[in-house]
Amino acid sequence: MTNRLDEHELDVLIIGCIKNERAGQQALYKYCYGFGMGICLRYSADRSSALGVLNAGFLKVFVNINKYKNHIPFKAWFGRIMINTAIDHYRSGLKFAHNQELSDEHDVGEMPVIDSKLNYQDLLLLVQTLPLAYRTVFNLFAIDGYTHPEIASMINISVGTSKSNLFKARKKLQQLIVGDVKPSSVTKKSDDNIALSGEILLKGEGK
């Protein structure tokens, strides 16, 4: 979230949106824009595509905001809608590439230690150079915390394919970092504050 609001101020904005008040919708859009765009950029090919996903996500937020229950953080509720919107966009327009099943012999052990000194923006730029299939699974698993069975269900692939794409994404990122690829050579898509760290690249395989 880009601006700071206390709990009462956020509640006022939400109530305004429930009443379809234009001012409340505009204020919530401004408040959530940076956070939402950060999510959409990770799942989109470029900023223009991300903006389309963001706006589609906001439409869902405004239509369903009366269903929001304040026993969960608004940020979590909002973020889930943005992720689901990005996945819907992915599934409607694109197909996975290189969705090869893992064999029992395929090594999916931990990747070698990756230099964690790169800042979040440089890591984001490297992640965005991954093939879309790899990037989508990497984002869902390593950043947004979904399990492989959940990912398989969300994007209609097998658990083995999810694990394979995650492994390949990490391997490619390792090659980019160890190969001393300069992030400046990658087209910069955003200055939004998207927190990534080397620890993300080393997260366990999970279930």
N, C-alpha and C. Protein backbone atom coordinates (compact mmCIF):
# COMPACT_ATOMS: atom_id res chain seq x y z
N MET A 1 0.84 -1.17 0.00
CA MET A 1 0.00 0.00 0.00
C MET A 1 0.89 1.25 0.00
N THR A 2 0.56 2.23 -0.80
CA THR A 2 1.46 3.35 -0.98
C THR A 2 1.33 4.41 0.11
N ASN A 3 0.12 4.69 0.57
CA ASN A 3 -0.09 5.70 1.58
C ASN A 3 -0.46 5.03 2.89
N ARG A 4 -0.23 5.74 3.99
CA ARG A 4 -0.55 5.18 5.29
C ARG A 4 -1.94 5.64 5.72
N LEU A 5 -2.77 4.68 6.08
CA LEU A 5 -4.08 4.98 6.63
C LEU A 5 -4.24 4.17 7.91
N ASP A 6 -4.86 4.77 8.92
CA ASP A 6 -5.13 3.97 10.10
C ASP A 6 -6.37 3.10 9.84
N GLU A 7 -6.66 2.24 10.77
CA GLU A 7 -7.74 1.27 10.58
C GLU A 7 -9.09 1.96 10.35
N HIS A 8 -9.33 3.03 11.09
CA HIS A 8 -10.60 3.75 10.94
C HIS A 8 -10.72 4.39 9.56
N GLU A 9 -9.64 5.00 9.10
CA GLU A 9 -9.66 5.66 7.79
C GLU A 9 -9.89 4.64 6.67
N LEU A 10 -9.26 3.48 6.80
CA LEU A 10 -9.47 2.44 5.79
C LEU A 10 -10.91 1.95 5.83
N ASP A 11 -11.46 1.80 7.02
CA ASP A 11 -12.86 1.37 7.14
C ASP A 11 -13.80 2.37 6.47
N VAL A 12 -13.50 3.65 6.61
CA VAL A 12 -14.32 4.69 6.00
C VAL A 12 -14.28 4.56 4.48
N LEU A 13 -13.10 4.30 3.92
CA LEU A 13 -12.97 4.13 2.48
C LEU A 13 -13.76 2.90 2.01
N ILE A 14 -13.66 1.83 2.75
CA ILE A 14 -14.36 0.60 2.37
C ILE A 14 -15.87 0.82 2.40
N ILE A 15 -16.35 1.49 3.44
CA ILE A 15 -17.79 1.78 3.52
C ILE A 15 -18.23 2.64 2.34
N GLY A 16 -17.41 3.62 1.98
CA GLY A 16 -17.72 4.46 0.83
C GLY A 16 -17.80 3.66 -0.45
N CYS A 17 -16.90 2.68 -0.61
CA CYS A 17 -16.91 1.83 -1.80
C CYS A 17 -18.14 0.93 -1.81
N ILE A 18 -18.54 0.43 -0.65
CA ILE A 18 -19.75 -0.39 -0.56
C ILE A 18 -20.96 0.42 -1.02
N LYS A 19 -20.94 1.72 -0.74
CA LYS A 19 -22.04 2.60 -1.14
C LYS A 19 -21.88 3.11 -2.58
N ASN A 20 -20.84 2.60 -3.27
CA ASN A 20 -20.55 3.01 -4.65
C ASN A 20 -20.26 4.51 -4.76
N GLU A 21 -19.63 5.06 -3.75
CA GLU A 21 -19.23 6.46 -3.78
C GLU A 21 -17.95 6.61 -4.60
N ARG A 22 -18.03 7.43 -5.61
CA ARG A 22 -16.89 7.60 -6.52
C ARG A 22 -15.63 8.08 -5.79
N ALA A 23 -15.80 9.00 -4.87
CA ALA A 23 -14.64 9.53 -4.14
C ALA A 23 -13.95 8.43 -3.34
N GLY A 24 -14.76 7.56 -2.71
CA GLY A 24 -14.18 6.46 -1.95
C GLY A 24 -13.46 5.47 -2.84
N GLN A 25 -14.00 5.18 -4.00
CA GLN A 25 -13.36 4.27 -4.94
C GLN A 25 -12.04 4.84 -5.45
N GLN A 26 -12.03 6.13 -5.75
CA GLN A 26 -10.80 6.77 -6.23
C GLN A 26 -9.73 6.76 -5.15
N ALA A 27 -10.14 7.01 -3.91
CA ALA A 27 -9.18 7.04 -2.80
C ALA A 27 -8.61 5.65 -2.54
N LEU A 28 -9.46 4.61 -2.61
CA LEU A 28 -8.97 3.25 -2.39
C LEU A 28 -8.05 2.82 -3.53
N TYR A 29 -8.39 3.23 -4.74
CA TYR A 29 -7.54 2.92 -5.89
C TYR A 29 -6.15 3.53 -5.69
N LYS A 30 -6.12 4.78 -5.29
CA LYS A 30 -4.83 5.45 -5.06
C LYS A 30 -4.06 4.78 -3.93
N TYR A 31 -4.76 4.43 -2.89
CA TYR A 31 -4.13 3.82 -1.72
C TYR A 31 -3.52 2.46 -2.05
N CYS A 32 -4.21 1.67 -2.86
CA CYS A 32 -3.79 0.29 -3.15
C CYS A 32 -2.98 0.15 -4.43
N TYR A 33 -2.84 1.23 -5.18
CA TYR A 33 -2.26 1.14 -6.53
C TYR A 33 -0.87 0.50 -6.52
N GLY A 34 0.04 1.01 -5.70
CA GLY A 34 1.41 0.51 -5.71
C GLY A 34 1.50 -0.96 -5.35
N PHE A 35 0.78 -1.37 -4.32
CA PHE A 35 0.78 -2.76 -3.89
C PHE A 35 0.19 -3.67 -4.97
N GLY A 36 -0.93 -3.24 -5.54
CA GLY A 36 -1.57 -4.04 -6.58
C GLY A 36 -0.73 -4.12 -7.84
N MET A 37 -0.13 -3.01 -8.24
CA MET A 37 0.70 -3.01 -9.43
C MET A 37 1.92 -3.90 -9.25
N GLY A 38 2.47 -3.92 -8.05
CA GLY A 38 3.61 -4.78 -7.77
C GLY A 38 3.27 -6.24 -8.02
N ILE A 39 2.09 -6.67 -7.59
CA ILE A 39 1.66 -8.05 -7.83
C ILE A 39 1.45 -8.29 -9.32
N CYS A 40 0.74 -7.39 -9.98
CA CYS A 40 0.40 -7.58 -11.39
C CYS A 40 1.63 -7.58 -12.28
N LEU A 41 2.63 -6.77 -11.96
CA LEU A 41 3.86 -6.75 -12.75
C LEU A 41 4.57 -8.09 -12.71
N ARG A 42 4.54 -8.74 -11.56
CA ARG A 42 5.22 -10.03 -11.44
C ARG A 42 4.61 -11.10 -12.33
N TYR A 43 3.34 -10.96 -12.63
CA TYR A 43 2.64 -11.97 -13.41
C TYR A 43 2.39 -11.55 -14.86
N SER A 44 2.84 -10.37 -15.25
CA SER A 44 2.54 -9.84 -16.59
C SER A 44 3.79 -9.68 -17.42
N ALA A 45 3.61 -9.65 -18.73
CA ALA A 45 4.74 -9.53 -19.64
C ALA A 45 5.33 -8.12 -19.65
N ASP A 46 4.49 -7.11 -19.42
CA ASP A 46 4.97 -5.74 -19.43
C ASP A 46 4.02 -4.87 -18.61
N ARG A 47 4.38 -3.60 -18.47
CA ARG A 47 3.61 -2.70 -17.62
C ARG A 47 2.20 -2.46 -18.16
N SER A 48 2.07 -2.37 -19.48
CA SER A 48 0.76 -2.15 -20.07
C SER A 48 -0.18 -3.31 -19.75
N SER A 49 0.32 -4.53 -19.88
CA SER A 49 -0.48 -5.71 -19.55
C SER A 49 -0.81 -5.73 -18.07
N ALA A 50 0.17 -5.36 -17.25
CA ALA A 50 -0.05 -5.34 -15.80
C ALA A 50 -1.14 -4.34 -15.42
N LEU A 51 -1.16 -3.21 -16.09
CA LEU A 51 -2.18 -2.20 -15.79
C LEU A 51 -3.57 -2.73 -16.14
N GLY A 52 -3.67 -3.47 -17.23
CA GLY A 52 -4.95 -4.07 -17.59
C GLY A 52 -5.42 -5.06 -16.54
N VAL A 53 -4.49 -5.89 -16.04
CA VAL A 53 -4.83 -6.84 -14.98
C VAL A 53 -5.21 -6.10 -13.71
N LEU A 54 -4.46 -5.06 -13.40
CA LEU A 54 -4.74 -4.27 -12.19
C LEU A 54 -6.15 -3.69 -12.22
N ASN A 55 -6.52 -3.10 -13.33
CA ASN A 55 -7.84 -2.49 -13.42
C ASN A 55 -8.96 -3.53 -13.39
N ALA A 56 -8.71 -4.68 -14.02
CA ALA A 56 -9.69 -5.77 -13.94
C ALA A 56 -9.83 -6.25 -12.50
N GLY A 57 -8.70 -6.29 -11.79
CA GLY A 57 -8.72 -6.70 -10.40
C GLY A 57 -9.47 -5.70 -9.53
N PHE A 58 -9.25 -4.41 -9.78
CA PHE A 58 -9.96 -3.39 -9.01
C PHE A 58 -11.47 -3.47 -9.25
N LEU A 59 -11.86 -3.78 -10.47
CA LEU A 59 -13.29 -3.93 -10.75
C LEU A 59 -13.87 -5.05 -9.88
N LYS A 60 -13.15 -6.17 -9.76
CA LYS A 60 -13.60 -7.25 -8.91
C LYS A 60 -13.65 -6.83 -7.44
N VAL A 61 -12.66 -6.04 -7.04
CA VAL A 61 -12.63 -5.54 -5.66
C VAL A 61 -13.88 -4.71 -5.38
N PHE A 62 -14.19 -3.76 -6.27
CA PHE A 62 -15.34 -2.89 -6.04
C PHE A 62 -16.67 -3.65 -6.10
N VAL A 63 -16.76 -4.64 -6.98
CA VAL A 63 -17.99 -5.43 -7.09
C VAL A 63 -18.21 -6.31 -5.85
N ASN A 64 -17.12 -6.79 -5.28
CA ASN A 64 -17.23 -7.76 -4.18
C ASN A 64 -16.86 -7.20 -2.81
N ILE A 65 -16.62 -5.90 -2.73
CA ILE A 65 -16.11 -5.35 -1.48
C ILE A 65 -17.11 -5.49 -0.33
N ASN A 66 -18.39 -5.62 -0.66
CA ASN A 66 -19.38 -5.84 0.40
C ASN A 66 -19.21 -7.20 1.05
N LYS A 67 -18.43 -8.09 0.42
CA LYS A 67 -18.19 -9.42 0.97
C LYS A 67 -16.95 -9.46 1.87
N TYR A 68 -16.20 -8.35 1.89
CA TYR A 68 -14.98 -8.32 2.71
C TYR A 68 -15.34 -8.37 4.19
N LYS A 69 -14.66 -9.23 4.92
CA LYS A 69 -14.84 -9.36 6.35
C LYS A 69 -13.57 -8.88 7.05
N ASN A 70 -13.73 -7.93 7.96
CA ASN A 70 -12.54 -7.28 8.53
C ASN A 70 -11.81 -8.12 9.57
N HIS A 71 -12.17 -9.40 9.71
CA HIS A 71 -11.38 -10.26 10.60
C HIS A 71 -10.09 -10.72 9.91
N ILE A 72 -9.98 -10.46 8.61
CA ILE A 72 -8.72 -10.71 7.90
C ILE A 72 -8.20 -9.37 7.41
N PRO A 73 -6.87 -9.21 7.29
CA PRO A 73 -6.31 -7.94 6.81
C PRO A 73 -6.81 -7.62 5.40
N PHE A 74 -7.15 -6.36 5.17
CA PHE A 74 -7.63 -5.97 3.85
C PHE A 74 -6.56 -6.23 2.79
N LYS A 75 -5.30 -6.00 3.15
CA LYS A 75 -4.20 -6.21 2.20
C LYS A 75 -4.18 -7.65 1.70
N ALA A 76 -4.41 -8.61 2.59
CA ALA A 76 -4.42 -10.02 2.19
C ALA A 76 -5.59 -10.32 1.27
N TRP A 77 -6.76 -9.79 1.60
CA TRP A 77 -7.96 -10.00 0.77
C TRP A 77 -7.77 -9.38 -0.60
N PHE A 78 -7.28 -8.16 -0.64
CA PHE A 78 -7.04 -7.45 -1.88
C PHE A 78 -5.99 -8.17 -2.73
N GLY A 79 -4.90 -8.59 -2.09
CA GLY A 79 -3.82 -9.26 -2.81
C GLY A 79 -4.27 -10.56 -3.44
N ARG A 80 -5.12 -11.30 -2.75
CA ARG A 80 -5.61 -12.56 -3.30
C ARG A 80 -6.44 -12.32 -4.56
N ILE A 81 -7.24 -11.26 -4.55
CA ILE A 81 -8.03 -10.93 -5.75
C ILE A 81 -7.11 -10.58 -6.91
N MET A 82 -6.05 -9.83 -6.65
CA MET A 82 -5.12 -9.45 -7.71
C MET A 82 -4.40 -10.67 -8.28
N ILE A 83 -3.98 -11.58 -7.41
CA ILE A 83 -3.31 -12.79 -7.88
C ILE A 83 -4.27 -13.63 -8.73
N ASN A 84 -5.48 -13.81 -8.24
CA ASN A 84 -6.46 -14.60 -9.01
C ASN A 84 -6.79 -13.96 -10.35
N THR A 85 -6.85 -12.63 -10.39
CA THR A 85 -7.12 -11.93 -11.64
C THR A 85 -5.97 -12.13 -12.62
N ALA A 86 -4.75 -12.06 -12.11
CA ALA A 86 -3.57 -12.27 -12.96
C ALA A 86 -3.55 -13.69 -13.52
N ILE A 87 -3.92 -14.68 -12.69
CA ILE A 87 -3.95 -16.06 -13.16
C ILE A 87 -5.07 -16.25 -14.18
N ASP A 88 -6.21 -15.62 -13.95
CA ASP A 88 -7.30 -15.69 -14.94
C ASP A 88 -6.84 -15.13 -16.28
N HIS A 89 -6.12 -14.02 -16.23
CA HIS A 89 -5.61 -13.39 -17.45
C HIS A 89 -4.63 -14.32 -18.16
N TYR A 90 -3.78 -14.95 -17.38
CA TYR A 90 -2.80 -15.88 -17.93
C TYR A 90 -3.51 -17.05 -18.63
N ARG A 91 -4.47 -17.63 -17.95
CA ARG A 91 -5.16 -18.81 -18.47
C ARG A 91 -6.00 -18.48 -19.70
N SER A 92 -6.51 -17.27 -19.78
CA SER A 92 -7.39 -16.92 -20.90
C SER A 92 -6.63 -16.62 -22.18
N GLY A 93 -5.37 -16.20 -22.06
CA GLY A 93 -4.68 -15.76 -23.25
C GLY A 93 -3.41 -16.49 -23.63
N LEU A 94 -2.89 -17.30 -22.72
CA LEU A 94 -1.59 -17.90 -22.97
C LEU A 94 -1.58 -19.37 -22.61
N LYS A 95 -0.63 -20.08 -23.16
CA LYS A 95 -0.45 -21.48 -22.84
C LYS A 95 0.94 -21.67 -22.26
N PHE A 96 1.05 -22.65 -21.39
CA PHE A 96 2.36 -22.94 -20.83
C PHE A 96 3.28 -23.53 -21.88
N ALA A 97 4.55 -23.15 -21.77
CA ALA A 97 5.59 -23.73 -22.62
C ALA A 97 6.51 -24.55 -21.74
N HIS A 98 7.12 -25.54 -22.33
CA HIS A 98 8.09 -26.37 -21.62
C HIS A 98 7.49 -27.00 -20.37
N ASN A 99 6.26 -27.44 -20.45
CA ASN A 99 5.64 -28.08 -19.29
C ASN A 99 5.97 -29.56 -19.28
N GLN A 100 7.20 -29.87 -19.03
CA GLN A 100 7.64 -31.26 -19.03
C GLN A 100 7.47 -31.84 -17.63
N GLU A 101 6.96 -33.09 -17.58
CA GLU A 101 6.77 -33.74 -16.30
C GLU A 101 8.13 -34.11 -15.71
N LEU A 102 8.18 -34.09 -14.40
CA LEU A 102 9.37 -34.55 -13.70
C LEU A 102 9.37 -36.07 -13.67
N SER A 103 10.49 -36.65 -13.98
CA SER A 103 10.62 -38.09 -13.78
C SER A 103 11.07 -38.31 -12.34
N ASP A 104 11.00 -39.54 -11.89
CA ASP A 104 11.41 -39.85 -10.52
C ASP A 104 12.89 -39.56 -10.30
N GLU A 105 13.65 -39.59 -11.39
CA GLU A 105 15.09 -39.39 -11.26
C GLU A 105 15.49 -37.92 -11.35
N HIS A 106 14.53 -37.06 -11.69
CA HIS A 106 14.88 -35.65 -11.90
C HIS A 106 15.28 -35.01 -10.59
N ASP A 107 16.40 -34.32 -10.58
CA ASP A 107 16.91 -33.70 -9.36
C ASP A 107 16.17 -32.40 -9.08
N VAL A 108 15.45 -32.38 -7.96
CA VAL A 108 14.79 -31.13 -7.56
C VAL A 108 15.28 -30.71 -6.18
N GLY A 109 16.52 -31.05 -5.89
CA GLY A 109 17.10 -30.64 -4.62
C GLY A 109 17.34 -29.15 -4.59
N GLU A 110 17.82 -28.66 -3.46
CA GLU A 110 18.05 -27.23 -3.31
C GLU A 110 19.11 -26.75 -4.30
N MET A 111 18.88 -25.57 -4.84
CA MET A 111 19.86 -24.98 -5.73
C MET A 111 21.08 -24.55 -4.93
N PRO A 112 22.26 -24.49 -5.55
CA PRO A 112 23.43 -23.97 -4.86
C PRO A 112 23.16 -22.55 -4.35
N VAL A 113 23.92 -22.16 -3.36
CA VAL A 113 23.72 -20.84 -2.76
C VAL A 113 23.81 -19.75 -3.81
N ILE A 114 22.85 -18.87 -3.79
CA ILE A 114 22.79 -17.77 -4.74
C ILE A 114 23.12 -16.48 -4.03
N ASP A 115 23.89 -15.65 -4.67
CA ASP A 115 24.27 -14.36 -4.08
C ASP A 115 23.02 -13.56 -3.73
N SER A 116 22.88 -13.23 -2.46
CA SER A 116 21.70 -12.49 -2.01
C SER A 116 21.94 -11.00 -1.89
N LYS A 117 23.04 -10.52 -2.46
CA LYS A 117 23.38 -9.11 -2.32
C LYS A 117 22.65 -8.24 -3.34
N LEU A 118 22.05 -8.84 -4.35
CA LEU A 118 21.28 -8.06 -5.30
C LEU A 118 20.10 -7.43 -4.59
N ASN A 119 19.78 -6.19 -4.94
CA ASN A 119 18.61 -5.58 -4.30
C ASN A 119 17.33 -6.09 -4.94
N TYR A 120 16.20 -5.76 -4.31
CA TYR A 120 14.92 -6.33 -4.75
C TYR A 120 14.59 -5.95 -6.19
N GLN A 121 14.95 -4.73 -6.61
CA GLN A 121 14.61 -4.32 -7.96
C GLN A 121 15.39 -5.11 -9.00
N ASP A 122 16.69 -5.36 -8.72
CA ASP A 122 17.49 -6.15 -9.65
C ASP A 122 16.97 -7.58 -9.76
N LEU A 123 16.59 -8.16 -8.61
CA LEU A 123 16.03 -9.51 -8.64
C LEU A 123 14.71 -9.55 -9.38
N LEU A 124 13.89 -8.54 -9.18
CA LEU A 124 12.62 -8.49 -9.91
C LEU A 124 12.85 -8.47 -11.40
N LEU A 125 13.81 -7.66 -11.85
CA LEU A 125 14.09 -7.57 -13.28
C LEU A 125 14.54 -8.92 -13.82
N LEU A 126 15.35 -9.65 -13.05
CA LEU A 126 15.78 -10.97 -13.49
C LEU A 126 14.61 -11.95 -13.54
N VAL A 127 13.75 -11.90 -12.54
CA VAL A 127 12.58 -12.78 -12.53
C VAL A 127 11.71 -12.53 -13.75
N GLN A 128 11.59 -11.27 -14.15
CA GLN A 128 10.73 -10.93 -15.28
C GLN A 128 11.31 -11.34 -16.63
N THR A 129 12.59 -11.78 -16.65
CA THR A 129 13.16 -12.30 -17.90
C THR A 129 12.87 -13.79 -18.07
N LEU A 130 12.34 -14.44 -17.04
CA LEU A 130 12.04 -15.86 -17.14
C LEU A 130 10.91 -16.11 -18.13
N PRO A 131 10.89 -17.27 -18.78
CA PRO A 131 9.72 -17.63 -19.60
C PRO A 131 8.47 -17.58 -18.72
N LEU A 132 7.36 -17.21 -19.32
CA LEU A 132 6.14 -16.98 -18.55
C LEU A 132 5.74 -18.18 -17.70
N ALA A 133 5.88 -19.38 -18.24
CA ALA A 133 5.50 -20.58 -17.48
C ALA A 133 6.32 -20.69 -16.21
N TYR A 134 7.62 -20.47 -16.32
CA TYR A 134 8.49 -20.57 -15.15
C TYR A 134 8.20 -19.44 -14.17
N ARG A 135 8.05 -18.23 -14.70
CA ARG A 135 7.83 -17.06 -13.86
C ARG A 135 6.54 -17.18 -13.05
N THR A 136 5.49 -17.70 -13.70
CA THR A 136 4.20 -17.81 -13.01
C THR A 136 4.29 -18.77 -11.83
N VAL A 137 4.87 -19.94 -12.04
CA VAL A 137 5.00 -20.90 -10.94
C VAL A 137 5.94 -20.36 -9.87
N PHE A 138 7.03 -19.73 -10.27
CA PHE A 138 7.96 -19.17 -9.30
C PHE A 138 7.27 -18.13 -8.42
N ASN A 139 6.50 -17.25 -9.04
CA ASN A 139 5.79 -16.23 -8.27
C ASN A 139 4.81 -16.86 -7.30
N LEU A 140 4.02 -17.81 -7.79
CA LEU A 140 3.01 -18.43 -6.93
C LEU A 140 3.63 -19.18 -5.76
N PHE A 141 4.70 -19.90 -6.02
CA PHE A 141 5.31 -20.71 -4.96
C PHE A 141 6.25 -19.91 -4.07
N ALA A 142 7.25 -19.29 -4.67
CA ALA A 142 8.33 -18.69 -3.89
C ALA A 142 7.96 -17.35 -3.26
N ILE A 143 7.05 -16.62 -3.90
CA ILE A 143 6.72 -15.29 -3.40
C ILE A 143 5.36 -15.26 -2.70
N ASP A 144 4.36 -15.89 -3.33
CA ASP A 144 3.01 -15.80 -2.78
C ASP A 144 2.62 -16.98 -1.90
N GLY A 145 3.49 -17.97 -1.80
CA GLY A 145 3.32 -19.00 -0.78
C GLY A 145 2.35 -20.12 -1.06
N TYR A 146 1.99 -20.34 -2.31
CA TYR A 146 1.10 -21.44 -2.64
C TYR A 146 1.88 -22.75 -2.69
N THR A 147 1.22 -23.86 -2.43
CA THR A 147 1.86 -25.17 -2.54
C THR A 147 1.73 -25.67 -3.98
N HIS A 148 2.51 -26.70 -4.30
CA HIS A 148 2.44 -27.24 -5.66
C HIS A 148 1.06 -27.79 -6.01
N PRO A 149 0.39 -28.52 -5.10
CA PRO A 149 -0.97 -28.95 -5.43
C PRO A 149 -1.92 -27.77 -5.69
N GLU A 150 -1.77 -26.70 -4.92
CA GLU A 150 -2.61 -25.52 -5.13
C GLU A 150 -2.33 -24.88 -6.48
N ILE A 151 -1.04 -24.78 -6.83
CA ILE A 151 -0.66 -24.19 -8.11
C ILE A 151 -1.19 -25.04 -9.26
N ALA A 152 -1.04 -26.34 -9.13
CA ALA A 152 -1.52 -27.26 -10.17
C ALA A 152 -3.01 -27.06 -10.42
N SER A 153 -3.77 -26.90 -9.34
CA SER A 153 -5.21 -26.70 -9.47
C SER A 153 -5.54 -25.34 -10.08
N MET A 154 -4.78 -24.31 -9.70
CA MET A 154 -5.06 -22.95 -10.16
C MET A 154 -4.86 -22.79 -11.66
N ILE A 155 -3.78 -23.42 -12.18
CA ILE A 155 -3.45 -23.16 -13.58
C ILE A 155 -3.51 -24.42 -14.45
N ASN A 156 -4.20 -25.44 -13.93
CA ASN A 156 -4.49 -26.64 -14.73
C ASN A 156 -3.25 -27.34 -15.26
N ILE A 157 -2.30 -27.57 -14.37
CA ILE A 157 -1.13 -28.37 -14.71
C ILE A 157 -0.99 -29.43 -13.63
N SER A 158 -0.08 -30.36 -13.82
CA SER A 158 0.14 -31.39 -12.81
C SER A 158 1.09 -30.87 -11.74
N VAL A 159 1.11 -31.56 -10.60
CA VAL A 159 2.05 -31.21 -9.54
C VAL A 159 3.48 -31.36 -10.03
N GLY A 160 3.72 -32.40 -10.82
CA GLY A 160 5.07 -32.60 -11.37
C GLY A 160 5.51 -31.47 -12.26
N THR A 161 4.58 -30.95 -13.07
CA THR A 161 4.90 -29.82 -13.94
C THR A 161 5.20 -28.58 -13.12
N SER A 162 4.43 -28.37 -12.07
CA SER A 162 4.68 -27.23 -11.20
C SER A 162 6.07 -27.30 -10.59
N LYS A 163 6.44 -28.46 -10.08
CA LYS A 163 7.77 -28.63 -9.49
C LYS A 163 8.87 -28.45 -10.54
N SER A 164 8.61 -28.98 -11.74
CA SER A 164 9.59 -28.87 -12.81
C SER A 164 9.83 -27.41 -13.19
N ASN A 165 8.74 -26.67 -13.34
CA ASN A 165 8.88 -25.26 -13.73
C ASN A 165 9.56 -24.43 -12.64
N LEU A 166 9.29 -24.76 -11.38
CA LEU A 166 9.97 -24.05 -10.30
C LEU A 166 11.46 -24.34 -10.32
N PHE A 167 11.80 -25.61 -10.49
CA PHE A 167 13.21 -25.99 -10.55
C PHE A 167 13.93 -25.27 -11.69
N LYS A 168 13.29 -25.26 -12.85
CA LYS A 168 13.90 -24.62 -14.02
C LYS A 168 13.99 -23.11 -13.83
N ALA A 169 13.01 -22.52 -13.17
CA ALA A 169 13.06 -21.08 -12.90
C ALA A 169 14.26 -20.75 -12.01
N ARG A 170 14.44 -21.53 -10.96
CA ARG A 170 15.57 -21.29 -10.06
C ARG A 170 16.90 -21.50 -10.76
N LYS A 171 16.95 -22.55 -11.57
CA LYS A 171 18.19 -22.83 -12.29
C LYS A 171 18.54 -21.67 -13.23
N LYS A 172 17.52 -21.16 -13.92
CA LYS A 172 17.75 -20.05 -14.84
C LYS A 172 18.19 -18.81 -14.09
N LEU A 173 17.56 -18.53 -12.94
CA LEU A 173 17.95 -17.38 -12.14
C LEU A 173 19.38 -17.52 -11.64
N GLN A 174 19.75 -18.72 -11.23
CA GLN A 174 21.12 -18.96 -10.80
C GLN A 174 22.10 -18.67 -11.92
N GLN A 175 21.77 -19.14 -13.12
CA GLN A 175 22.65 -18.90 -14.27
C GLN A 175 22.78 -17.42 -14.57
N LEU A 176 21.67 -16.69 -14.46
CA LEU A 176 21.69 -15.26 -14.73
C LEU A 176 22.56 -14.53 -13.72
N ILE A 177 22.42 -14.91 -12.44
CA ILE A 177 23.16 -14.21 -11.38
C ILE A 177 24.63 -14.59 -11.41
N VAL A 178 24.92 -15.89 -11.47
CA VAL A 178 26.31 -16.35 -11.51
C VAL A 178 26.99 -15.89 -12.78
N GLY A 179 26.21 -15.81 -13.86
CA GLY A 179 26.76 -15.36 -15.13
C GLY A 179 26.98 -13.87 -15.21
N ASP A 180 26.71 -13.18 -14.10
CA ASP A 180 26.95 -11.75 -14.00
C ASP A 180 26.16 -10.97 -15.04
N VAL A 181 24.90 -11.36 -15.23
CA VAL A 181 24.02 -10.59 -16.10
C VAL A 181 23.71 -9.28 -15.42
N LYS A 182 23.87 -8.18 -16.12
CA LYS A 182 23.62 -6.88 -15.55
C LYS A 182 22.14 -6.54 -15.64
N PRO A 183 21.48 -6.30 -14.49
CA PRO A 183 20.07 -5.95 -14.52
C PRO A 183 19.76 -4.74 -15.38
N SER A 184 20.74 -3.84 -15.52
CA SER A 184 20.52 -2.64 -16.32
C SER A 184 20.30 -2.97 -17.79
N SER A 185 20.71 -4.20 -18.19
CA SER A 185 20.52 -4.59 -19.58
C SER A 185 19.11 -5.07 -19.83
N VAL A 186 18.33 -5.24 -18.76
CA VAL A 186 16.95 -5.65 -18.86
C VAL A 186 16.07 -4.42 -18.84
N THR A 187 15.06 -4.39 -19.68
CA THR A 187 14.16 -3.24 -19.70
C THR A 187 13.49 -3.08 -18.36
N LYS A 188 13.66 -1.93 -17.73
CA LYS A 188 13.08 -1.70 -16.41
C LYS A 188 11.60 -1.42 -16.56
N LYS A 189 10.77 -2.17 -15.81
CA LYS A 189 9.33 -2.06 -15.97
C LYS A 189 8.65 -1.27 -14.88
N SER A 190 9.31 -1.09 -13.72
CA SER A 190 8.61 -0.40 -12.65
C SER A 190 9.57 0.01 -11.57
N ASP A 191 9.21 1.08 -10.85
CA ASP A 191 9.93 1.48 -9.66
C ASP A 191 9.14 1.12 -8.42
N ASP A 192 8.04 0.37 -8.58
CA ASP A 192 7.22 0.00 -7.44
C ASP A 192 8.04 -0.84 -6.47
N ASN A 193 7.75 -0.67 -5.19
CA ASN A 193 8.50 -1.36 -4.15
C ASN A 193 8.03 -2.80 -4.03
N ILE A 194 8.74 -3.71 -4.71
CA ILE A 194 8.39 -5.12 -4.69
C ILE A 194 9.53 -5.86 -4.00
N ALA A 195 9.28 -6.35 -2.82
CA ALA A 195 10.34 -6.93 -2.00
C ALA A 195 10.67 -8.35 -2.44
N LEU A 196 11.88 -8.52 -2.95
CA LEU A 196 12.41 -9.83 -3.26
C LEU A 196 13.77 -9.95 -2.59
N SER A 197 14.18 -11.12 -2.24
CA SER A 197 15.51 -11.30 -1.66
C SER A 197 16.07 -12.63 -2.10
N GLY A 198 17.37 -12.84 -1.86
CA GLY A 198 17.99 -14.10 -2.19
C GLY A 198 17.35 -15.27 -1.46
N GLU A 199 16.77 -15.00 -0.30
CA GLU A 199 16.14 -16.07 0.46
C GLU A 199 14.99 -16.69 -0.33
N ILE A 200 14.29 -15.90 -1.13
CA ILE A 200 13.19 -16.41 -1.94
C ILE A 200 13.69 -17.50 -2.87
N LEU A 201 14.86 -17.29 -3.43
CA LEU A 201 15.39 -18.23 -4.40
C LEU A 201 15.79 -19.55 -3.76
N LEU A 202 15.97 -19.54 -2.43
CA LEU A 202 16.45 -20.72 -1.75
C LEU A 202 15.36 -21.40 -0.95
N LYS A 203 14.12 -20.94 -1.06
CA LYS A 203 13.02 -21.51 -0.30
C LYS A 203 12.84 -22.98 -0.63
N GLY A 204 12.49 -23.78 0.34
CA GLY A 204 12.34 -25.23 0.16
C GLY A 204 11.26 -25.57 -0.85
N GLU A 205 11.28 -26.78 -1.33
CA GLU A 205 10.34 -27.21 -2.35
C GLU A 205 8.90 -27.26 -1.85
N GLY A 206 8.69 -27.48 -0.57
CA GLY A 206 7.33 -27.52 -0.06
C GLY A 206 6.61 -28.77 -0.52
N LYS A 207 5.28 -28.72 -0.47
CA LYS A 207 4.48 -29.89 -0.80
C LYS A 207 3.63 -29.64 -2.04
